[in-house]
Structures are given as structure tokens and as C-alpha cells.
Amino acid sequence: FSRLQSLQSLHLGHSCIGSAGEAARAEALATSPHLASLRILSLPENRYMDCAALGAALQNSSHLHSLTVLDISDCGLGQAGAIAMAGALSCFRGTLRSLGISDSMFSRKPGTERRGQAKQRWLTCCHTL
């Protein structure tokens, strides 16, 4: 694990672990002291990602303070995920330079919320970055 301490970029796209495994992965990433040097966390195209769990894990992380790039593009963001991720982003104020959210689903249930409305709430939450 000593080599992980110098790891600056981690890409885990297309992993399709599933929602139960995603929460465990989020917790493992956020709590690992071996990833303290991580600058780029790229998790694109994980449609089963539990963004709410990832957001909560990042909020409580004492090791991922130096992220400059976070990519959760094309993931199942959802309303709970957007709220949790907005809370997590406030923890990285000053270091985060790039946030990838393109093609993220803002509502998992068709017809429950217009995509534009959910996206606007997400952007409002992130406005203070």
C-alpha cells in the first residue's frame, strides 16, 4: 500500500459495481489514508453509483482534502445525491477546480421532476464553490 500514498489520479469509470457495492466503495475511497495525495477522482459512467453515499463519505473524509478534479459524469445523481454532493463540495472549497456532471441523471423516476429544475437546484447549491 505504500505506493498508493503517491497516487494522484484514480479513474474507476464503467465499473458497474451495483448500488450495494457503490456505498462500500465510496466509504473505502473516502476513508483510505493511502489516498491522501489524490488530486483527480474520476468515476464516470457508473449509472448505479450511489451519489448520496459518495457525497456523505466525501463530507466525512479526513484524507481527500486535496482533490482538484471530481468527475461523476453520466452517473445516477438523483435529488438525494445532488444534495449530498453539494454538501461534500463545500468541504473542498479552494482546491476543487473541475467538477464533471455532464449527462448525470437528476431524477431516477421519470416524470417526478423536470431535469432542468433539478439541475438548477444542483447548480444553486454549488454556486459558492
Protein backbone atom coordinates (compact mmCIF):
# COMPACT_ATOMS: atom_id res chain seq x y z
CA PHE A 1 0.00 0.00 0.00
CA SER A 2 2.95 2.37 0.32
CA ARG A 3 2.82 3.08 -3.44
CA LEU A 4 -0.75 4.29 -3.11
CA GLN A 5 0.42 7.17 -0.94
CA SER A 6 1.83 8.94 -4.00
CA LEU A 7 -1.17 8.19 -6.25
CA GLN A 8 -2.52 11.44 -7.66
CA SER A 9 -5.11 10.23 -10.18
CA LEU A 10 -7.68 7.44 -9.86
CA HIS A 11 -10.09 6.50 -12.65
CA LEU A 12 -12.84 3.99 -11.89
CA GLY A 13 -15.19 4.51 -14.82
CA HIS A 14 -17.59 1.94 -16.22
CA SER A 15 -17.24 -0.30 -13.18
CA CYS A 16 -20.94 -1.22 -12.81
CA ILE A 17 -20.47 -2.50 -9.27
CA GLY A 18 -24.11 -2.04 -8.33
CA SER A 19 -25.77 0.09 -5.68
CA ALA A 20 -24.84 -2.08 -2.66
CA GLY A 21 -21.17 -2.19 -3.66
CA GLU A 22 -21.11 1.50 -4.54
CA ALA A 23 -21.77 2.60 -0.96
CA ALA A 24 -18.92 0.38 0.26
CA ARG A 25 -16.60 1.69 -2.45
CA ALA A 26 -17.42 5.29 -1.60
CA GLU A 27 -16.67 4.68 2.07
CA ALA A 28 -13.41 2.85 1.25
CA LEU A 29 -12.21 5.66 -1.04
CA ALA A 30 -13.04 8.41 1.41
CA THR A 31 -11.54 6.75 4.47
CA SER A 32 -8.31 5.43 2.97
CA PRO A 33 -5.28 7.25 4.38
CA HIS A 34 -3.32 5.89 1.40
CA LEU A 35 -5.19 8.24 -0.94
CA ALA A 36 -4.28 11.49 0.82
CA SER A 37 -2.26 12.66 -2.23
CA LEU A 38 -5.14 12.07 -4.64
CA ARG A 39 -5.85 15.10 -6.83
CA ILE A 40 -8.10 13.59 -9.52
CA LEU A 41 -11.00 11.26 -8.73
CA SER A 42 -12.77 10.16 -11.90
CA LEU A 43 -15.87 7.97 -11.59
CA PRO A 44 -17.66 8.48 -14.93
CA GLU A 45 -20.37 6.27 -16.38
CA ASN A 46 -21.25 4.47 -13.16
CA ARG A 47 -25.00 4.54 -13.62
CA TYR A 48 -25.62 2.59 -10.44
CA MET A 49 -23.44 4.83 -8.32
CA ASP A 50 -24.94 5.86 -5.02
CA CYS A 51 -24.06 9.55 -5.21
CA ALA A 52 -25.74 10.19 -1.86
CA ALA A 53 -23.37 7.69 -0.21
CA LEU A 54 -20.39 9.15 -2.08
CA GLY A 55 -21.34 12.68 -1.04
CA ALA A 56 -21.72 11.65 2.60
CA ALA A 57 -18.41 9.78 2.53
CA LEU A 58 -16.60 12.76 1.00
CA GLN A 59 -18.09 15.11 3.59
CA ASN A 60 -16.70 12.91 6.36
CA SER A 61 -13.36 12.22 4.69
CA SER A 62 -10.26 13.34 6.53
CA HIS A 63 -7.97 12.23 3.68
CA LEU A 64 -9.34 13.63 0.41
CA HIS A 65 -8.88 17.34 1.09
CA SER A 66 -6.67 17.95 -1.94
CA LEU A 67 -9.00 16.94 -4.78
CA THR A 68 -8.77 19.33 -7.71
CA VAL A 69 -10.90 17.30 -10.15
CA LEU A 70 -14.03 15.28 -9.40
CA ASP A 71 -15.80 13.60 -12.31
CA ILE A 72 -19.17 11.93 -11.74
CA SER A 73 -20.36 12.38 -15.32
CA ASP A 74 -23.08 10.08 -16.60
CA CYS A 75 -23.94 8.76 -13.15
CA GLY A 76 -27.28 8.36 -11.43
CA LEU A 77 -27.07 11.55 -9.43
CA GLY A 78 -30.70 11.91 -8.32
CA GLN A 79 -32.02 14.52 -5.90
CA ALA A 80 -30.53 12.97 -2.74
CA GLY A 81 -27.19 12.57 -4.50
CA ALA A 82 -27.20 16.19 -5.67
CA ILE A 83 -27.84 17.42 -2.13
CA ALA A 84 -25.15 15.16 -0.62
CA MET A 85 -22.61 16.06 -3.29
CA ALA A 86 -23.31 19.79 -2.84
CA GLY A 87 -22.53 19.36 0.87
CA ALA A 88 -19.34 17.48 0.02
CA LEU A 89 -18.22 20.13 -2.46
CA SER A 90 -18.29 22.78 0.24
CA CYS A 91 -15.59 20.77 2.05
CA PHE A 92 -13.22 21.23 -0.91
CA ARG A 93 -13.61 24.98 -1.24
CA GLY A 94 -10.40 26.39 -2.57
CA THR A 95 -8.96 23.16 -4.00
CA LEU A 96 -11.61 21.80 -6.38
CA ARG A 97 -11.10 23.28 -9.84
CA SER A 98 -13.16 20.97 -12.05
CA LEU A 99 -16.46 19.19 -11.48
CA GLY A 100 -17.75 16.84 -14.17
CA ILE A 101 -21.52 16.23 -14.04
CA SER A 102 -22.40 16.01 -17.73
CA ASP A 103 -25.19 13.59 -18.64
CA SER A 104 -25.96 12.91 -14.99
CA MET A 105 -29.50 11.81 -14.30
CA PHE A 106 -31.06 14.31 -11.95
CA SER A 107 -34.16 12.24 -11.39
CA ARG A 108 -34.23 8.44 -11.33
CA LYS A 109 -38.02 8.34 -11.62
CA PRO A 110 -39.26 9.66 -14.95
CA GLY A 111 -41.88 12.34 -14.56
CA THR A 112 -41.16 13.14 -10.89
CA GLU A 113 -39.11 16.22 -11.63
CA ARG A 114 -38.12 18.05 -14.73
CA ARG A 115 -34.44 17.62 -15.41
CA GLY A 116 -33.85 21.36 -15.79
CA GLN A 117 -35.39 22.12 -12.40
CA ALA A 118 -33.24 19.54 -10.62
CA LYS A 119 -30.12 20.69 -12.42
CA GLN A 120 -30.85 24.30 -11.47
CA ARG A 121 -31.14 23.33 -7.78
CA TRP A 122 -27.83 21.45 -8.05
CA LEU A 123 -26.09 24.44 -9.62
CA THR A 124 -27.55 26.75 -6.99
CA CYS A 125 -26.13 24.51 -4.25
CA CYS A 126 -22.71 24.58 -5.93
CA HIS A 127 -22.68 28.31 -6.61
CA THR A 128 -20.43 29.04 -3.65
CA LEU A 129 -17.51 26.94 -4.91
